[in-house]
């Protein structure tokens, strides 16, 4: 899998090259801020067959994949490559790096809490509940905190996050909101 910096991609866009940009964040994250001209296909619903068919993404043409910071984009690129897409490029640093570089973005009307932040809050709340339950109810409930800790270690090692995938399906992460075209 290849990578490209936001500045390099913007240079290719400005040269007039016809490029396929793919955003694999949640609809809510996309509605808050996104790169102009990007196609939304959330990671949990990414269908390479549909992308190649209905959406017109060719398996032999470059696809530039963005997420918030790069982790989900890597997972999406791996999935696409397994399905025969040969030219997947992960945009380094994702939409955050794109915006921080001062490159053009479309901004929506509402702010959304990032998926990573939601995961940290959920994990912390479960660990705290596990500790309190173990102290006040039954010491065996400490394993709830241990389970979350093991999940976080697994997420760090594999660069995947089951809790993040579950949280991305929650209703507030599915609402698109409004993001005027610019």
N, C-alpha and C. Protein backbone atom coordinates (compact mmCIF):
# COMPACT_ATOMS: atom_id res chain seq x y z
N UNK A 1 0.84 -1.17 0.00
CA UNK A 1 0.00 0.00 0.00
C UNK A 1 0.89 1.24 0.00
N UNK A 2 0.49 2.20 -0.80
CA UNK A 2 1.29 3.42 -0.94
C UNK A 2 0.70 4.51 -0.06
N UNK A 3 1.52 5.51 0.23
CA UNK A 3 1.04 6.68 0.96
C UNK A 3 1.34 7.93 0.14
N UNK A 4 0.62 8.99 0.47
CA UNK A 4 0.82 10.28 -0.18
C UNK A 4 0.51 11.36 0.84
N UNK A 5 1.25 12.45 0.78
CA UNK A 5 0.99 13.55 1.71
C UNK A 5 -0.19 14.38 1.18
N UNK A 6 -0.86 15.10 2.07
CA UNK A 6 -1.94 15.97 1.60
C UNK A 6 -1.47 16.97 0.55
N UNK A 7 -0.29 17.55 0.74
CA UNK A 7 0.22 18.53 -0.23
C UNK A 7 0.46 17.90 -1.60
N UNK A 8 1.00 16.68 -1.62
CA UNK A 8 1.22 15.99 -2.89
C UNK A 8 -0.10 15.70 -3.60
N UNK A 9 -1.11 15.27 -2.83
CA UNK A 9 -2.41 14.99 -3.42
C UNK A 9 -3.05 16.26 -3.94
N UNK A 10 -2.98 17.34 -3.18
CA UNK A 10 -3.56 18.61 -3.62
C UNK A 10 -2.89 19.09 -4.91
N UNK A 11 -1.59 18.86 -5.02
CA UNK A 11 -0.86 19.24 -6.23
C UNK A 11 -1.40 18.47 -7.44
N UNK A 12 -1.70 17.19 -7.25
CA UNK A 12 -2.25 16.38 -8.34
C UNK A 12 -3.66 16.83 -8.69
N UNK A 13 -4.44 17.19 -7.68
CA UNK A 13 -5.80 17.68 -7.93
C UNK A 13 -5.74 18.99 -8.72
N UNK A 14 -4.86 19.90 -8.31
CA UNK A 14 -4.74 21.20 -8.97
C UNK A 14 -4.24 21.07 -10.40
N UNK A 15 -3.51 20.01 -10.70
CA UNK A 15 -3.01 19.82 -12.07
C UNK A 15 -4.13 19.40 -13.03
N UNK A 16 -5.32 19.14 -12.47
CA UNK A 16 -6.46 18.78 -13.30
C UNK A 16 -6.63 17.29 -13.50
N UNK A 17 -5.79 16.51 -12.85
CA UNK A 17 -5.86 15.06 -12.95
C UNK A 17 -7.19 14.56 -12.37
N UNK A 18 -7.85 13.65 -13.06
CA UNK A 18 -9.11 13.06 -12.59
C UNK A 18 -8.76 11.99 -11.56
N UNK A 19 -9.10 12.26 -10.29
CA UNK A 19 -8.72 11.36 -9.21
C UNK A 19 -9.95 10.88 -8.45
N UNK A 20 -9.84 9.68 -7.89
CA UNK A 20 -10.89 9.13 -7.04
C UNK A 20 -10.45 9.29 -5.59
N UNK A 21 -11.22 10.09 -4.83
CA UNK A 21 -10.95 10.29 -3.41
C UNK A 21 -12.02 9.57 -2.61
N UNK A 22 -11.61 8.85 -1.58
CA UNK A 22 -12.53 8.04 -0.80
C UNK A 22 -12.37 8.37 0.68
N UNK A 23 -13.46 8.76 1.33
CA UNK A 23 -13.48 9.06 2.77
C UNK A 23 -14.17 7.90 3.47
N UNK A 24 -13.47 7.25 4.41
CA UNK A 24 -14.02 6.06 5.07
C UNK A 24 -14.45 6.34 6.52
N UNK A 25 -14.65 7.63 6.85
CA UNK A 25 -15.11 7.98 8.20
C UNK A 25 -16.63 7.81 8.28
N UNK A 26 -17.17 8.09 9.45
CA UNK A 26 -18.63 8.00 9.64
C UNK A 26 -19.30 9.17 8.93
N UNK A 27 -20.60 9.04 8.61
CA UNK A 27 -21.32 10.15 7.99
C UNK A 27 -21.26 11.44 8.82
N UNK A 28 -21.31 11.32 10.14
CA UNK A 28 -21.26 12.51 10.99
C UNK A 28 -19.90 13.19 10.90
N UNK A 29 -18.83 12.40 10.92
CA UNK A 29 -17.49 12.99 10.79
C UNK A 29 -17.33 13.66 9.43
N UNK A 30 -17.83 13.02 8.40
CA UNK A 30 -17.75 13.56 7.04
C UNK A 30 -18.52 14.87 6.93
N UNK A 31 -19.70 14.93 7.55
CA UNK A 31 -20.53 16.13 7.47
C UNK A 31 -19.87 17.31 8.19
N UNK A 32 -19.07 17.01 9.21
CA UNK A 32 -18.41 18.10 9.94
C UNK A 32 -17.35 18.78 9.07
N UNK A 33 -16.51 17.98 8.43
CA UNK A 33 -15.45 18.53 7.58
C UNK A 33 -14.99 17.43 6.62
N UNK A 34 -14.81 17.80 5.36
CA UNK A 34 -14.26 16.84 4.41
C UNK A 34 -13.56 17.54 3.25
N UNK A 35 -12.74 16.80 2.56
CA UNK A 35 -12.02 17.28 1.40
C UNK A 35 -13.03 17.41 0.25
N UNK A 36 -13.02 18.53 -0.46
CA UNK A 36 -13.95 18.69 -1.59
C UNK A 36 -13.78 17.58 -2.62
N UNK A 37 -14.88 17.05 -3.11
CA UNK A 37 -14.85 16.03 -4.15
C UNK A 37 -14.66 14.61 -3.67
N UNK A 38 -14.59 14.40 -2.36
CA UNK A 38 -14.37 13.06 -1.82
C UNK A 38 -15.69 12.29 -1.81
N UNK A 39 -15.60 10.98 -2.03
CA UNK A 39 -16.77 10.10 -1.99
C UNK A 39 -16.79 9.43 -0.62
N UNK A 40 -17.94 9.46 0.07
CA UNK A 40 -18.07 8.85 1.38
C UNK A 40 -18.46 7.39 1.27
N UNK A 41 -17.67 6.53 1.92
CA UNK A 41 -17.97 5.09 2.03
C UNK A 41 -17.43 4.64 3.39
N UNK A 42 -18.24 4.77 4.46
CA UNK A 42 -17.77 4.42 5.79
C UNK A 42 -17.14 3.02 5.83
N UNK A 43 -16.05 2.91 6.59
CA UNK A 43 -15.29 1.66 6.65
C UNK A 43 -16.17 0.46 6.96
N UNK A 44 -17.10 0.61 7.90
CA UNK A 44 -17.93 -0.54 8.29
C UNK A 44 -18.91 -0.95 7.20
N UNK A 45 -19.10 -0.11 6.19
CA UNK A 45 -20.00 -0.44 5.08
C UNK A 45 -19.29 -0.43 3.73
N UNK A 46 -17.98 -0.40 3.75
CA UNK A 46 -17.21 -0.34 2.50
C UNK A 46 -17.40 -1.63 1.71
N UNK A 47 -17.91 -1.48 0.50
CA UNK A 47 -18.18 -2.62 -0.38
C UNK A 47 -17.38 -2.42 -1.67
N UNK A 48 -16.25 -3.11 -1.81
CA UNK A 48 -15.42 -2.94 -3.01
C UNK A 48 -16.17 -3.23 -4.31
N UNK A 49 -17.07 -4.19 -4.29
CA UNK A 49 -17.83 -4.53 -5.50
C UNK A 49 -18.71 -3.35 -5.92
N UNK A 50 -19.41 -2.77 -4.96
CA UNK A 50 -20.27 -1.62 -5.25
C UNK A 50 -19.43 -0.41 -5.67
N UNK A 51 -18.28 -0.24 -5.05
CA UNK A 51 -17.40 0.87 -5.38
C UNK A 51 -16.95 0.77 -6.83
N UNK A 52 -16.61 -0.44 -7.26
CA UNK A 52 -16.16 -0.65 -8.63
C UNK A 52 -17.32 -0.57 -9.62
N UNK A 53 -18.51 -1.00 -9.19
CA UNK A 53 -19.65 -1.00 -10.10
C UNK A 53 -20.38 0.32 -10.14
N UNK A 54 -21.24 0.54 -9.16
CA UNK A 54 -22.12 1.71 -9.14
C UNK A 54 -21.36 3.03 -9.00
N UNK A 55 -20.27 3.04 -8.27
CA UNK A 55 -19.58 4.29 -7.99
C UNK A 55 -18.50 4.62 -9.03
N UNK A 56 -18.16 3.68 -9.89
CA UNK A 56 -17.24 3.95 -10.98
C UNK A 56 -15.76 4.02 -10.61
N UNK A 57 -15.38 3.44 -9.48
CA UNK A 57 -13.97 3.40 -9.11
C UNK A 57 -13.34 2.22 -9.85
N UNK A 58 -12.34 2.49 -10.68
CA UNK A 58 -11.71 1.42 -11.45
C UNK A 58 -10.60 0.76 -10.64
N UNK A 59 -10.50 -0.56 -10.77
CA UNK A 59 -9.52 -1.31 -10.00
C UNK A 59 -8.09 -1.05 -10.44
N UNK A 60 -7.90 -0.49 -11.64
CA UNK A 60 -6.54 -0.23 -12.11
C UNK A 60 -6.17 1.25 -12.06
N UNK A 61 -7.05 2.08 -11.47
CA UNK A 61 -6.76 3.51 -11.33
C UNK A 61 -6.51 3.85 -9.88
N UNK A 62 -5.75 4.91 -9.64
CA UNK A 62 -5.45 5.29 -8.25
C UNK A 62 -6.69 5.69 -7.46
N UNK A 63 -6.72 5.24 -6.21
CA UNK A 63 -7.75 5.64 -5.25
C UNK A 63 -7.00 6.21 -4.05
N UNK A 64 -7.41 7.39 -3.62
CA UNK A 64 -6.78 8.06 -2.50
C UNK A 64 -7.73 7.99 -1.31
N UNK A 65 -7.31 7.28 -0.26
CA UNK A 65 -8.20 6.96 0.86
C UNK A 65 -7.86 7.85 2.05
N UNK A 66 -8.92 8.47 2.61
CA UNK A 66 -8.77 9.32 3.78
C UNK A 66 -9.67 8.85 4.90
N UNK A 67 -9.23 9.08 6.12
CA UNK A 67 -10.09 8.94 7.29
C UNK A 67 -9.76 10.14 8.17
N UNK A 68 -9.89 10.02 9.45
CA UNK A 68 -9.57 11.16 10.32
C UNK A 68 -8.06 11.37 10.41
N UNK A 69 -7.33 10.28 10.72
CA UNK A 69 -5.89 10.43 10.92
C UNK A 69 -5.04 9.39 10.19
N UNK A 70 -5.65 8.37 9.61
CA UNK A 70 -4.91 7.40 8.81
C UNK A 70 -5.16 5.94 9.12
N UNK A 71 -5.59 5.60 10.31
CA UNK A 71 -5.73 4.19 10.70
C UNK A 71 -6.84 3.49 9.92
N UNK A 72 -8.01 4.09 9.87
CA UNK A 72 -9.11 3.46 9.14
C UNK A 72 -8.83 3.44 7.64
N UNK A 73 -8.12 4.45 7.15
CA UNK A 73 -7.78 4.48 5.72
C UNK A 73 -6.88 3.29 5.36
N UNK A 74 -5.95 2.95 6.24
CA UNK A 74 -5.08 1.79 6.00
C UNK A 74 -5.91 0.51 5.94
N UNK A 75 -6.86 0.36 6.86
CA UNK A 75 -7.73 -0.82 6.86
C UNK A 75 -8.54 -0.88 5.57
N UNK A 76 -9.07 0.26 5.15
CA UNK A 76 -9.86 0.30 3.91
C UNK A 76 -9.00 -0.06 2.70
N UNK A 77 -7.79 0.49 2.65
CA UNK A 77 -6.89 0.20 1.53
C UNK A 77 -6.56 -1.29 1.47
N UNK A 78 -6.32 -1.90 2.63
CA UNK A 78 -6.05 -3.34 2.67
C UNK A 78 -7.25 -4.13 2.14
N UNK A 79 -8.44 -3.73 2.53
CA UNK A 79 -9.65 -4.40 2.07
C UNK A 79 -9.81 -4.24 0.56
N UNK A 80 -9.57 -3.05 0.06
CA UNK A 80 -9.69 -2.81 -1.38
C UNK A 80 -8.63 -3.59 -2.15
N UNK A 81 -7.40 -3.63 -1.64
CA UNK A 81 -6.34 -4.37 -2.32
C UNK A 81 -6.64 -5.86 -2.38
N UNK A 82 -7.24 -6.40 -1.31
CA UNK A 82 -7.63 -7.81 -1.32
C UNK A 82 -8.67 -8.10 -2.38
N UNK A 83 -9.44 -7.07 -2.75
CA UNK A 83 -10.48 -7.25 -3.75
C UNK A 83 -10.01 -6.84 -5.14
N UNK A 84 -8.72 -6.62 -5.32
CA UNK A 84 -8.18 -6.40 -6.65
C UNK A 84 -7.88 -4.95 -7.03
N UNK A 85 -8.11 -4.00 -6.14
CA UNK A 85 -7.74 -2.61 -6.43
C UNK A 85 -6.22 -2.51 -6.26
N UNK A 86 -5.54 -2.12 -7.36
CA UNK A 86 -4.08 -2.18 -7.36
C UNK A 86 -3.40 -0.87 -6.99
N UNK A 87 -4.13 0.23 -7.00
CA UNK A 87 -3.50 1.54 -6.80
C UNK A 87 -4.12 2.29 -5.63
N UNK A 88 -4.07 1.71 -4.43
CA UNK A 88 -4.60 2.37 -3.23
C UNK A 88 -3.51 3.20 -2.58
N UNK A 89 -3.83 4.45 -2.30
CA UNK A 89 -2.91 5.37 -1.65
C UNK A 89 -3.59 5.90 -0.39
N UNK A 90 -2.95 5.74 0.75
CA UNK A 90 -3.46 6.28 2.00
C UNK A 90 -2.91 7.70 2.16
N UNK A 91 -3.80 8.64 2.41
CA UNK A 91 -3.39 10.02 2.60
C UNK A 91 -2.84 10.15 4.02
N UNK A 92 -1.56 10.45 4.14
CA UNK A 92 -0.87 10.52 5.44
C UNK A 92 -1.52 11.56 6.35
N UNK A 93 -1.90 11.11 7.54
CA UNK A 93 -2.49 12.03 8.51
C UNK A 93 -3.96 12.31 8.29
N UNK A 94 -4.53 11.81 7.20
CA UNK A 94 -5.95 11.92 6.93
C UNK A 94 -6.47 13.35 6.81
N UNK A 95 -7.76 13.48 7.09
CA UNK A 95 -8.44 14.77 6.97
C UNK A 95 -7.86 15.79 7.95
N UNK A 96 -7.42 15.32 9.13
CA UNK A 96 -6.80 16.24 10.10
C UNK A 96 -5.58 16.91 9.49
N UNK A 97 -4.69 16.13 8.91
CA UNK A 97 -3.47 16.67 8.31
C UNK A 97 -3.80 17.57 7.12
N UNK A 98 -4.81 17.18 6.35
CA UNK A 98 -5.24 17.97 5.21
C UNK A 98 -5.66 19.37 5.67
N UNK A 99 -6.52 19.43 6.68
CA UNK A 99 -7.02 20.71 7.19
C UNK A 99 -5.89 21.50 7.85
N UNK A 100 -5.03 20.82 8.62
CA UNK A 100 -3.91 21.50 9.29
C UNK A 100 -2.92 22.09 8.29
N UNK A 101 -2.86 21.52 7.10
CA UNK A 101 -1.97 22.05 6.05
C UNK A 101 -2.58 23.26 5.37
N UNK A 102 -3.80 23.62 5.76
CA UNK A 102 -4.46 24.79 5.17
C UNK A 102 -5.04 24.53 3.79
N UNK A 103 -5.22 23.26 3.45
CA UNK A 103 -5.79 22.91 2.15
C UNK A 103 -7.31 23.06 2.20
N UNK A 104 -7.96 23.19 1.06
CA UNK A 104 -9.41 23.45 1.06
C UNK A 104 -10.22 22.29 1.65
N UNK A 105 -11.21 22.64 2.45
CA UNK A 105 -12.14 21.69 3.04
C UNK A 105 -13.55 22.27 2.98
N UNK A 106 -14.53 21.40 3.00
CA UNK A 106 -15.92 21.79 3.17
C UNK A 106 -16.25 21.57 4.64
N UNK A 107 -16.77 22.58 5.29
CA UNK A 107 -17.12 22.48 6.71
C UNK A 107 -18.63 22.50 6.87
N UNK A 108 -19.12 21.63 7.76
CA UNK A 108 -20.54 21.56 8.05
C UNK A 108 -20.94 22.53 9.14
N UNK A 109 -22.18 22.43 9.53
CA UNK A 109 -22.74 23.37 10.51
C UNK A 109 -22.68 22.85 11.93
N UNK A 110 -22.37 21.58 12.14
CA UNK A 110 -22.35 21.04 13.50
C UNK A 110 -21.00 20.41 13.80
N UNK A 111 -20.63 20.43 15.07
CA UNK A 111 -19.41 19.80 15.52
C UNK A 111 -19.72 18.38 15.95
N UNK A 112 -18.81 17.47 15.67
CA UNK A 112 -18.98 16.06 16.01
C UNK A 112 -17.78 15.62 16.83
N UNK A 113 -18.05 14.82 17.85
CA UNK A 113 -16.96 14.26 18.63
C UNK A 113 -16.32 13.15 17.80
N UNK A 114 -14.99 13.18 17.73
CA UNK A 114 -14.30 12.19 16.91
C UNK A 114 -14.54 10.78 17.44
N UNK A 115 -14.47 9.82 16.55
CA UNK A 115 -14.66 8.42 16.92
C UNK A 115 -13.61 7.98 17.93
N UNK A 116 -12.37 8.41 17.74
CA UNK A 116 -11.31 8.05 18.67
C UNK A 116 -11.61 8.57 20.08
N UNK A 117 -12.13 9.78 20.17
CA UNK A 117 -12.48 10.35 21.48
C UNK A 117 -13.64 9.58 22.12
N UNK A 118 -14.62 9.19 21.31
CA UNK A 118 -15.74 8.40 21.82
C UNK A 118 -15.25 7.06 22.37
N UNK A 119 -14.28 6.45 21.70
CA UNK A 119 -13.73 5.18 22.17
C UNK A 119 -13.02 5.37 23.51
N UNK A 120 -12.23 6.44 23.63
CA UNK A 120 -11.53 6.68 24.89
C UNK A 120 -12.52 6.88 26.04
N UNK A 121 -13.60 7.62 25.79
CA UNK A 121 -14.61 7.86 26.82
C UNK A 121 -15.28 6.54 27.20
N UNK A 122 -15.68 5.75 26.21
CA UNK A 122 -16.35 4.47 26.49
C UNK A 122 -15.44 3.52 27.25
N UNK A 123 -14.19 3.40 26.80
CA UNK A 123 -13.24 2.49 27.48
C UNK A 123 -13.00 2.94 28.91
N UNK A 124 -12.80 4.22 29.10
CA UNK A 124 -12.58 4.74 30.44
C UNK A 124 -13.78 4.52 31.34
N UNK A 125 -14.97 4.72 30.82
CA UNK A 125 -16.19 4.52 31.61
C UNK A 125 -16.36 3.05 32.00
N UNK A 126 -16.07 2.14 31.08
CA UNK A 126 -16.21 0.71 31.39
C UNK A 126 -15.17 0.29 32.43
N UNK A 127 -13.93 0.79 32.29
CA UNK A 127 -12.89 0.46 33.27
C UNK A 127 -13.29 0.99 34.65
N UNK A 128 -13.74 2.24 34.72
CA UNK A 128 -14.15 2.82 36.00
C UNK A 128 -15.30 2.03 36.61
N UNK A 129 -16.30 1.68 35.81
CA UNK A 129 -17.42 0.87 36.30
C UNK A 129 -16.93 -0.48 36.82
N UNK A 130 -16.00 -1.10 36.09
CA UNK A 130 -15.45 -2.39 36.52
C UNK A 130 -14.76 -2.29 37.87
N UNK A 131 -13.99 -1.23 38.08
CA UNK A 131 -13.29 -1.04 39.35
C UNK A 131 -14.30 -0.81 40.48
N UNK A 132 -15.28 0.07 40.24
CA UNK A 132 -16.29 0.35 41.27
C UNK A 132 -17.13 -0.88 41.59
N UNK A 133 -17.53 -1.62 40.56
CA UNK A 133 -18.32 -2.83 40.79
C UNK A 133 -17.50 -3.88 41.54
N UNK A 134 -16.22 -4.00 41.19
CA UNK A 134 -15.36 -4.97 41.88
C UNK A 134 -15.20 -4.59 43.35
N UNK A 135 -15.12 -3.31 43.62
CA UNK A 135 -14.94 -2.86 45.00
C UNK A 135 -16.22 -2.99 45.83
N UNK A 136 -17.35 -2.59 45.23
CA UNK A 136 -18.59 -2.51 46.00
C UNK A 136 -19.52 -3.72 45.85
N UNK A 137 -19.41 -4.48 44.76
CA UNK A 137 -20.36 -5.57 44.51
C UNK A 137 -19.69 -6.94 44.63
N UNK A 138 -18.71 -7.19 43.76
CA UNK A 138 -18.08 -8.50 43.74
C UNK A 138 -16.68 -8.36 43.14
N UNK A 139 -15.65 -8.79 43.83
CA UNK A 139 -14.28 -8.65 43.33
C UNK A 139 -14.05 -9.29 41.96
N UNK A 140 -14.84 -10.29 41.62
CA UNK A 140 -14.67 -10.95 40.32
C UNK A 140 -14.97 -10.00 39.15
N UNK A 141 -15.70 -8.92 39.43
CA UNK A 141 -16.04 -7.98 38.37
C UNK A 141 -14.85 -7.13 37.92
N UNK A 142 -13.70 -7.30 38.57
CA UNK A 142 -12.49 -6.62 38.12
C UNK A 142 -12.11 -7.07 36.71
N UNK A 143 -12.56 -8.27 36.34
CA UNK A 143 -12.24 -8.80 35.01
C UNK A 143 -12.87 -7.98 33.90
N UNK A 144 -13.91 -7.22 34.21
CA UNK A 144 -14.49 -6.30 33.22
C UNK A 144 -13.43 -5.29 32.80
N UNK A 145 -12.75 -4.71 33.78
CA UNK A 145 -11.67 -3.76 33.48
C UNK A 145 -10.53 -4.45 32.75
N UNK A 146 -10.20 -5.67 33.17
CA UNK A 146 -9.15 -6.43 32.50
C UNK A 146 -9.47 -6.73 31.06
N UNK A 147 -10.74 -7.03 30.79
CA UNK A 147 -11.17 -7.31 29.42
C UNK A 147 -10.99 -6.08 28.53
N UNK A 148 -11.37 -4.91 29.03
CA UNK A 148 -11.21 -3.68 28.26
C UNK A 148 -9.73 -3.39 28.04
N UNK A 149 -8.91 -3.58 29.08
CA UNK A 149 -7.47 -3.38 28.94
C UNK A 149 -6.88 -4.29 27.88
N UNK A 150 -7.28 -5.56 27.89
CA UNK A 150 -6.80 -6.51 26.88
C UNK A 150 -7.25 -6.09 25.48
N UNK A 151 -8.48 -5.59 25.39
CA UNK A 151 -8.99 -5.11 24.10
C UNK A 151 -8.19 -3.92 23.58
N UNK A 152 -7.81 -3.02 24.47
CA UNK A 152 -7.00 -1.87 24.07
C UNK A 152 -5.61 -2.30 23.62
N UNK A 153 -5.03 -3.28 24.31
CA UNK A 153 -3.72 -3.80 23.89
C UNK A 153 -3.84 -4.43 22.50
N UNK A 154 -4.87 -5.25 22.30
CA UNK A 154 -5.09 -5.89 21.00
C UNK A 154 -5.29 -4.84 19.91
N UNK A 155 -6.07 -3.79 20.21
CA UNK A 155 -6.30 -2.72 19.24
C UNK A 155 -5.00 -2.03 18.87
N UNK A 156 -4.13 -1.80 19.87
CA UNK A 156 -2.86 -1.16 19.59
C UNK A 156 -1.93 -2.01 18.75
N UNK A 157 -1.91 -3.31 19.03
CA UNK A 157 -1.02 -4.22 18.29
C UNK A 157 -1.50 -4.42 16.86
N UNK A 158 -2.81 -4.60 16.68
CA UNK A 158 -3.34 -4.92 15.35
C UNK A 158 -3.79 -3.71 14.56
N UNK A 159 -3.84 -2.54 15.20
CA UNK A 159 -4.33 -1.31 14.57
C UNK A 159 -5.77 -1.46 14.08
N UNK A 160 -6.55 -2.24 14.83
CA UNK A 160 -7.99 -2.36 14.60
C UNK A 160 -8.68 -2.11 15.93
N UNK A 161 -9.94 -1.73 15.90
CA UNK A 161 -10.62 -1.44 17.16
C UNK A 161 -12.07 -1.87 17.06
N UNK A 162 -12.38 -2.99 17.71
CA UNK A 162 -13.76 -3.50 17.70
C UNK A 162 -14.71 -2.50 18.36
N UNK A 163 -14.27 -1.87 19.45
CA UNK A 163 -15.14 -0.90 20.11
C UNK A 163 -15.42 0.28 19.18
N UNK A 164 -14.41 0.72 18.45
CA UNK A 164 -14.60 1.81 17.49
C UNK A 164 -15.58 1.45 16.40
N UNK A 165 -15.49 0.21 15.92
CA UNK A 165 -16.42 -0.25 14.88
C UNK A 165 -17.85 -0.28 15.42
N UNK A 166 -18.01 -0.71 16.66
CA UNK A 166 -19.35 -0.72 17.27
C UNK A 166 -19.87 0.69 17.47
N UNK A 167 -19.04 1.57 18.00
CA UNK A 167 -19.46 2.94 18.26
C UNK A 167 -19.80 3.67 16.95
N UNK A 168 -19.09 3.34 15.88
CA UNK A 168 -19.36 4.01 14.60
C UNK A 168 -20.77 3.72 14.08
N UNK A 169 -21.39 2.64 14.57
CA UNK A 169 -22.73 2.27 14.13
C UNK A 169 -23.83 2.95 14.95
N UNK A 170 -23.47 3.67 16.01
CA UNK A 170 -24.47 4.33 16.85
C UNK A 170 -25.16 5.45 16.07
N UNK A 171 -26.42 5.72 16.39
CA UNK A 171 -27.22 6.67 15.59
C UNK A 171 -26.58 8.04 15.37
N UNK A 172 -25.95 8.61 16.40
CA UNK A 172 -25.39 9.95 16.23
C UNK A 172 -24.19 9.96 15.29
N UNK A 173 -23.58 8.81 15.04
CA UNK A 173 -22.49 8.74 14.08
C UNK A 173 -22.98 8.47 12.66
N UNK A 174 -24.26 8.21 12.50
CA UNK A 174 -24.82 7.91 11.18
C UNK A 174 -25.47 9.13 10.54
N UNK A 175 -25.81 10.12 11.36
CA UNK A 175 -26.43 11.33 10.83
C UNK A 175 -25.42 12.12 10.05
N UNK A 176 -25.82 12.52 8.85
CA UNK A 176 -24.92 13.27 8.01
C UNK A 176 -24.88 14.74 8.28
N UNK A 177 -25.93 15.32 8.82
CA UNK A 177 -25.96 16.77 9.02
C UNK A 177 -25.89 17.48 7.70
N UNK A 178 -25.45 18.72 7.74
CA UNK A 178 -25.35 19.47 6.49
C UNK A 178 -23.94 20.00 6.32
N UNK A 179 -23.47 19.92 5.12
CA UNK A 179 -22.15 20.42 4.78
C UNK A 179 -22.26 21.06 3.42
N UNK A 180 -22.42 22.39 3.37
CA UNK A 180 -22.62 23.04 2.09
C UNK A 180 -21.43 22.87 1.15
N UNK A 181 -21.73 22.71 -0.11
CA UNK A 181 -20.67 22.59 -1.12
C UNK A 181 -19.99 23.92 -1.29
N UNK A 182 -18.68 23.89 -1.51
CA UNK A 182 -17.91 25.13 -1.72
C UNK A 182 -17.05 24.99 -2.93
